[in-house]
């Protein structure tokens, strides 16, 4: 029987995955540091970027209400990410229910 991974191992894997798939200039550090500025304090408390797959930023959101709110603002959020990160590597935000 396989022993479950410790949460710190899982987090490390997520960050490594983000680093491997990023466009030049886009890093996990930049995305995470910019997230609250991009979405605002309240939305940031309910959402977190978890992975960048090609040009799509995957974001875990804790409720469908916040998924709806963030989906309505996707174009605005992409524009803010582009401005803050100085790159055009993120073209889409995929929101999914998570913790």
C-alpha atoms as a PDB file:
ATOM      1  CA  UNK A   1       0.000   0.000   0.000  1.00  0.00           C
ATOM      2  CA  UNK A   2       1.334   3.436  -0.941  1.00  0.00           C
ATOM      3  CA  UNK A   3       1.933   5.934   1.816  1.00  0.00           C
ATOM      4  CA  UNK A   4       0.177   9.284   1.180  1.00  0.00           C
ATOM      5  CA  UNK A   5       2.383  12.270   0.341  1.00  0.00           C
ATOM      6  CA  UNK A   6       2.933  14.953   2.946  1.00  0.00           C
ATOM      7  CA  UNK A   7       1.325  18.281   2.004  1.00  0.00           C
ATOM      8  CA  UNK A   8       4.738  19.978   1.790  1.00  0.00           C
ATOM      9  CA  UNK A   9       5.797  17.452  -0.877  1.00  0.00           C
ATOM     10  CA  UNK A  10       2.630  18.145  -2.852  1.00  0.00           C
ATOM     11  CA  UNK A  11       3.157  21.914  -2.672  1.00  0.00           C
ATOM     12  CA  UNK A  12       6.752  21.500  -3.812  1.00  0.00           C
ATOM     13  CA  UNK A  13       5.594  19.429  -6.798  1.00  0.00           C
ATOM     14  CA  UNK A  14       3.042  22.089  -7.765  1.00  0.00           C
ATOM     15  CA  UNK A  15       5.662  24.846  -7.669  1.00  0.00           C
ATOM     16  CA  UNK A  16       8.123  22.760  -9.670  1.00  0.00           C
ATOM     17  CA  UNK A  17       5.399  22.110 -12.222  1.00  0.00           C
ATOM     18  CA  UNK A  18       4.683  25.841 -12.506  1.00  0.00           C
ATOM     19  CA  UNK A  19       8.380  26.569 -13.035  1.00  0.00           C
ATOM     20  CA  UNK A  20       8.749  23.893 -15.732  1.00  0.00           C
ATOM     21  CA  UNK A  21       5.798  25.041 -17.824  1.00  0.00           C
ATOM     22  CA  UNK A  22       6.182  28.805 -17.584  1.00  0.00           C
ATOM     23  CA  UNK A  23       6.909  31.194 -20.364  1.00  0.00           C
ATOM     24  CA  UNK A  24      10.097  33.191 -19.927  1.00  0.00           C
ATOM     25  CA  UNK A  25       9.569  35.926 -17.346  1.00  0.00           C
ATOM     26  CA  UNK A  26       6.631  34.206 -15.662  1.00  0.00           C
ATOM     27  CA  UNK A  27       7.535  32.500 -12.419  1.00  0.00           C
ATOM     28  CA  UNK A  28       5.571  31.053  -9.532  1.00  0.00           C
ATOM     29  CA  UNK A  29       7.049  33.740  -7.331  1.00  0.00           C
ATOM     30  CA  UNK A  30       5.800  36.509  -9.627  1.00  0.00           C
ATOM     31  CA  UNK A  31       2.358  34.979 -10.053  1.00  0.00           C
ATOM     32  CA  UNK A  32       1.848  34.376  -6.339  1.00  0.00           C
ATOM     33  CA  UNK A  33       3.233  37.791  -5.386  1.00  0.00           C
ATOM     34  CA  UNK A  34       0.935  39.502  -7.890  1.00  0.00           C
ATOM     35  CA  UNK A  35      -2.227  37.500  -7.261  1.00  0.00           C
ATOM     36  CA  UNK A  36      -3.704  39.638  -4.455  1.00  0.00           C
ATOM     37  CA  UNK A  37      -2.964  42.817  -6.406  1.00  0.00           C
ATOM     38  CA  UNK A  38      -4.623  41.329  -9.479  1.00  0.00           C
ATOM     39  CA  UNK A  39      -7.816  39.968  -7.897  1.00  0.00           C
ATOM     40  CA  UNK A  40      -8.104  42.011  -4.713  1.00  0.00           C
ATOM     41  CA  UNK A  41      -7.801  41.006  -1.080  1.00  0.00           C
ATOM     42  CA  UNK A  42     -11.218  39.335  -0.732  1.00  0.00           C
ATOM     43  CA  UNK A  43     -10.936  37.252  -3.901  1.00  0.00           C
ATOM     44  CA  UNK A  44      -7.343  36.306  -3.065  1.00  0.00           C
ATOM     45  CA  UNK A  45      -8.557  34.878   0.248  1.00  0.00           C
ATOM     46  CA  UNK A  46     -10.773  32.486  -1.747  1.00  0.00           C
ATOM     47  CA  UNK A  47      -8.488  31.642  -4.661  1.00  0.00           C
ATOM     48  CA  UNK A  48      -4.919  30.634  -5.385  1.00  0.00           C
ATOM     49  CA  UNK A  49      -2.951  30.059  -8.582  1.00  0.00           C
ATOM     50  CA  UNK A  50      -1.774  26.462  -8.625  1.00  0.00           C
ATOM     51  CA  UNK A  51      -0.262  25.768 -12.036  1.00  0.00           C
ATOM     52  CA  UNK A  52       0.577  27.314 -15.374  1.00  0.00           C
ATOM     53  CA  UNK A  53      -0.010  24.974 -18.318  1.00  0.00           C
ATOM     54  CA  UNK A  54       1.242  26.593 -21.462  1.00  0.00           C
ATOM     55  CA  UNK A  55      -0.707  29.834 -21.693  1.00  0.00           C
ATOM     56  CA  UNK A  56      -3.401  28.828 -19.179  1.00  0.00           C
ATOM     57  CA  UNK A  57      -3.204  29.732 -15.497  1.00  0.00           C
ATOM     58  CA  UNK A  58      -5.025  27.188 -13.326  1.00  0.00           C
ATOM     59  CA  UNK A  59      -6.562  28.678 -10.211  1.00  0.00           C
ATOM     60  CA  UNK A  60      -8.081  26.796  -7.290  1.00  0.00           C
ATOM     61  CA  UNK A  61     -11.169  28.538  -5.919  1.00  0.00           C
ATOM     62  CA  UNK A  62     -12.970  27.582  -2.713  1.00  0.00           C
ATOM     63  CA  UNK A  63     -16.565  28.112  -3.881  1.00  0.00           C
ATOM     64  CA  UNK A  64     -18.661  28.300  -7.018  1.00  0.00           C
ATOM     65  CA  UNK A  65     -19.701  31.841  -6.075  1.00  0.00           C
ATOM     66  CA  UNK A  66     -16.073  32.989  -6.328  1.00  0.00           C
ATOM     67  CA  UNK A  67     -15.570  31.009  -9.535  1.00  0.00           C
ATOM     68  CA  UNK A  68     -18.472  32.943 -11.040  1.00  0.00           C
ATOM     69  CA  UNK A  69     -17.134  36.299  -9.784  1.00  0.00           C
ATOM     70  CA  UNK A  70     -13.636  35.663 -11.126  1.00  0.00           C
ATOM     71  CA  UNK A  71     -14.931  34.304 -14.436  1.00  0.00           C
ATOM     72  CA  UNK A  72     -16.826  37.559 -15.003  1.00  0.00           C
ATOM     73  CA  UNK A  73     -13.559  39.473 -14.589  1.00  0.00           C
ATOM     74  CA  UNK A  74     -11.262  37.146 -16.579  1.00  0.00           C
ATOM     75  CA  UNK A  75     -10.333  39.678 -19.290  1.00  0.00           C
ATOM     76  CA  UNK A  76      -9.585  42.337 -16.674  1.00  0.00           C
ATOM     77  CA  UNK A  77      -7.505  39.877 -14.622  1.00  0.00           C
ATOM     78  CA  UNK A  78      -5.486  38.827 -17.675  1.00  0.00           C
ATOM     79  CA  UNK A  79      -4.787  42.467 -18.474  1.00  0.00           C
ATOM     80  CA  UNK A  80      -3.619  43.107 -14.895  1.00  0.00           C
ATOM     81  CA  UNK A  81      -1.376  40.021 -14.952  1.00  0.00           C
ATOM     82  CA  UNK A  82       0.153  41.175 -18.226  1.00  0.00           C
ATOM     83  CA  UNK A  83       0.798  44.643 -16.805  1.00  0.00           C
ATOM     84  CA  UNK A  84       2.226  43.443 -13.485  1.00  0.00           C
ATOM     85  CA  UNK A  85       4.354  40.615 -14.889  1.00  0.00           C
ATOM     86  CA  UNK A  86       5.394  42.413 -18.054  1.00  0.00           C
ATOM     87  CA  UNK A  87       4.775  39.364 -20.241  1.00  0.00           C
ATOM     88  CA  UNK A  88       2.040  38.048 -22.494  1.00  0.00           C
ATOM     89  CA  UNK A  89       2.506  34.387 -21.571  1.00  0.00           C
ATOM     90  CA  UNK A  90      -0.857  33.975 -19.832  1.00  0.00           C
ATOM     91  CA  UNK A  91      -3.812  34.016 -22.233  1.00  0.00           C
ATOM     92  CA  UNK A  92      -6.501  32.192 -20.240  1.00  0.00           C
ATOM     93  CA  UNK A  93      -7.468  31.599 -16.621  1.00  0.00           C
ATOM     94  CA  UNK A  94      -9.052  28.251 -15.780  1.00  0.00           C
ATOM     95  CA  UNK A  95     -10.929  28.267 -12.491  1.00  0.00           C
ATOM     96  CA  UNK A  96     -11.715  25.062 -10.653  1.00  0.00           C
ATOM     97  CA  UNK A  97     -13.242  24.203  -7.332  1.00  0.00           C
ATOM     98  CA  UNK A  98     -10.704  23.167  -4.769  1.00  0.00           C
ATOM     99  CA  UNK A  99      -9.511  23.935  -1.298  1.00  0.00           C
END
